[in-house]
Amino acid sequence: MLPTLRHIVEDVANSPNIWSPFIQFNLYERHCRRLRRDVDLEVWLICWDLGQDTLLHDHGGSVGAFAVAKGALLEDYGAKHVPTLRTRRHITAPTTSTTWSTWAAS
């Protein structure tokens, strides 16, 4: 599933005609728009402005991936067997239009 998921994420992220008309930045709340939904997956555009975040949460056993198409994203992440959170920064890669990451149920 992960190779297929990575391919889908890269295809969407590298096709700004699919998502760029829906970009909206708002200082008061993040903007979300579902771009695709079928039996196996959903694809979302999520726009965060500076200083916005989501509360720590899990994804209920799902497998997922995301791409940063523009700018940067700080991600705090952890695992059940590790007592502390770690932080990683995702930035738009200079050689392609996206960087990507995945998560899976632990």
Protein backbone atom coordinates (compact mmCIF):
# COMPACT_ATOMS: atom_id res chain seq x y z
CA MET A 1 0.00 0.00 0.00
CA LEU A 2 2.77 2.52 0.85
CA PRO A 3 4.37 2.53 -2.63
CA THR A 4 0.95 3.11 -4.18
CA LEU A 5 0.16 5.79 -1.60
CA ARG A 6 3.48 7.52 -2.24
CA HIS A 7 2.78 7.50 -5.98
CA ILE A 8 -0.67 9.03 -5.47
CA VAL A 9 0.70 11.74 -3.15
CA GLU A 10 3.51 12.61 -5.55
CA ASP A 11 1.13 12.73 -8.52
CA VAL A 12 -1.29 15.06 -6.76
CA ALA A 13 1.41 17.27 -5.26
CA ASN A 14 3.16 17.58 -8.62
CA SER A 15 -0.13 18.53 -10.32
CA PRO A 16 -0.89 22.01 -9.00
CA ASN A 17 -3.79 22.33 -11.41
CA ILE A 18 -5.63 19.87 -9.11
CA TRP A 19 -5.13 21.81 -5.87
CA SER A 20 -3.86 25.35 -6.50
CA PRO A 21 -7.32 26.83 -7.27
CA PHE A 22 -8.36 25.89 -3.72
CA ILE A 23 -5.43 27.36 -1.76
CA GLN A 24 -6.60 29.70 0.99
CA PHE A 25 -4.59 31.08 3.88
CA ASN A 26 -6.41 32.47 6.88
CA LEU A 27 -4.66 33.78 10.01
CA TYR A 28 -7.48 32.50 12.23
CA GLU A 29 -7.97 28.92 11.07
CA ARG A 30 -6.48 26.38 8.71
CA HIS A 31 -8.25 25.68 5.45
CA CYS A 32 -9.10 22.09 4.41
CA ARG A 33 -10.56 20.84 1.15
CA ARG A 34 -11.10 17.22 0.15
CA LEU A 35 -9.77 16.72 -3.38
CA ARG A 36 -10.57 13.05 -3.85
CA ARG A 37 -12.50 10.30 -2.10
CA ASP A 38 -12.96 6.68 -3.05
CA VAL A 39 -13.32 3.34 -1.27
CA ASP A 40 -9.61 3.10 -0.40
CA LEU A 41 -8.48 6.66 0.30
CA GLU A 42 -9.07 10.36 0.63
CA VAL A 43 -6.85 13.17 -0.63
CA TRP A 44 -6.97 16.49 1.20
CA LEU A 45 -5.48 19.91 0.64
CA ILE A 46 -4.67 21.50 4.01
CA CYS A 47 -3.38 25.06 4.20
CA TRP A 48 -1.75 26.28 7.41
CA ASP A 49 -0.60 29.82 8.04
CA LEU A 50 2.27 30.82 10.33
CA GLY A 51 1.76 29.71 13.92
CA GLN A 52 -1.18 27.39 13.24
CA ASP A 53 -1.15 23.81 14.45
CA THR A 54 -3.28 20.81 15.26
CA LEU A 55 -3.49 19.18 18.64
CA LEU A 56 -1.54 15.97 19.13
CA HIS A 57 -3.62 13.14 17.69
CA ASP A 58 -3.36 9.72 16.11
CA HIS A 59 -4.95 8.45 12.95
CA GLY A 60 -6.83 5.50 14.39
CA GLY A 61 -4.79 2.72 12.82
CA SER A 62 -4.83 4.19 9.32
CA VAL A 63 -1.92 4.48 6.94
CA GLY A 64 -1.27 7.89 5.45
CA ALA A 65 1.10 10.17 3.63
CA PHE A 66 1.45 13.87 3.04
CA ALA A 67 3.45 16.19 0.84
CA VAL A 68 4.59 19.75 1.40
CA ALA A 69 3.98 21.51 -1.89
CA LYS A 70 5.03 24.98 -0.75
CA GLY A 71 6.79 26.26 2.35
CA ALA A 72 7.62 24.13 5.38
CA LEU A 73 5.85 22.08 8.04
CA LEU A 74 7.06 21.17 11.54
CA GLU A 75 5.76 17.79 12.67
CA ASP A 76 5.85 16.50 16.25
CA TYR A 77 5.54 12.73 16.21
CA GLY A 78 5.96 9.77 18.49
CA ALA A 79 5.30 6.11 19.01
CA LYS A 80 3.64 4.15 21.78
CA HIS A 81 6.92 2.51 22.81
CA VAL A 82 8.90 5.81 22.93
CA PRO A 83 8.08 8.10 25.88
CA THR A 84 9.02 11.41 24.21
CA LEU A 85 7.97 13.25 21.09
CA ARG A 86 10.37 14.06 18.30
CA THR A 87 10.16 16.92 15.80
CA ARG A 88 11.00 16.90 12.13
CA ARG A 89 10.81 19.65 9.57
CA HIS A 90 9.41 19.00 6.11
CA ILE A 91 10.30 21.52 3.43
CA THR A 92 9.65 21.75 -0.26
CA ALA A 93 12.53 19.89 -1.88
CA PRO A 94 14.58 22.02 -4.30
CA THR A 95 14.86 19.29 -6.96
CA THR A 96 11.18 18.40 -7.00
CA SER A 97 8.05 20.25 -6.02
CA THR A 98 7.34 18.15 -2.92
CA THR A 99 8.72 16.39 0.09
CA TRP A 100 6.63 13.63 1.59
CA SER A 101 6.19 11.54 4.70
CA THR A 102 4.09 8.58 5.82
CA TRP A 103 2.60 7.16 8.96
CA ALA A 104 1.32 3.72 9.75
CA ALA A 105 -0.43 2.12 12.68
CA SER A 106 1.99 0.89 15.35
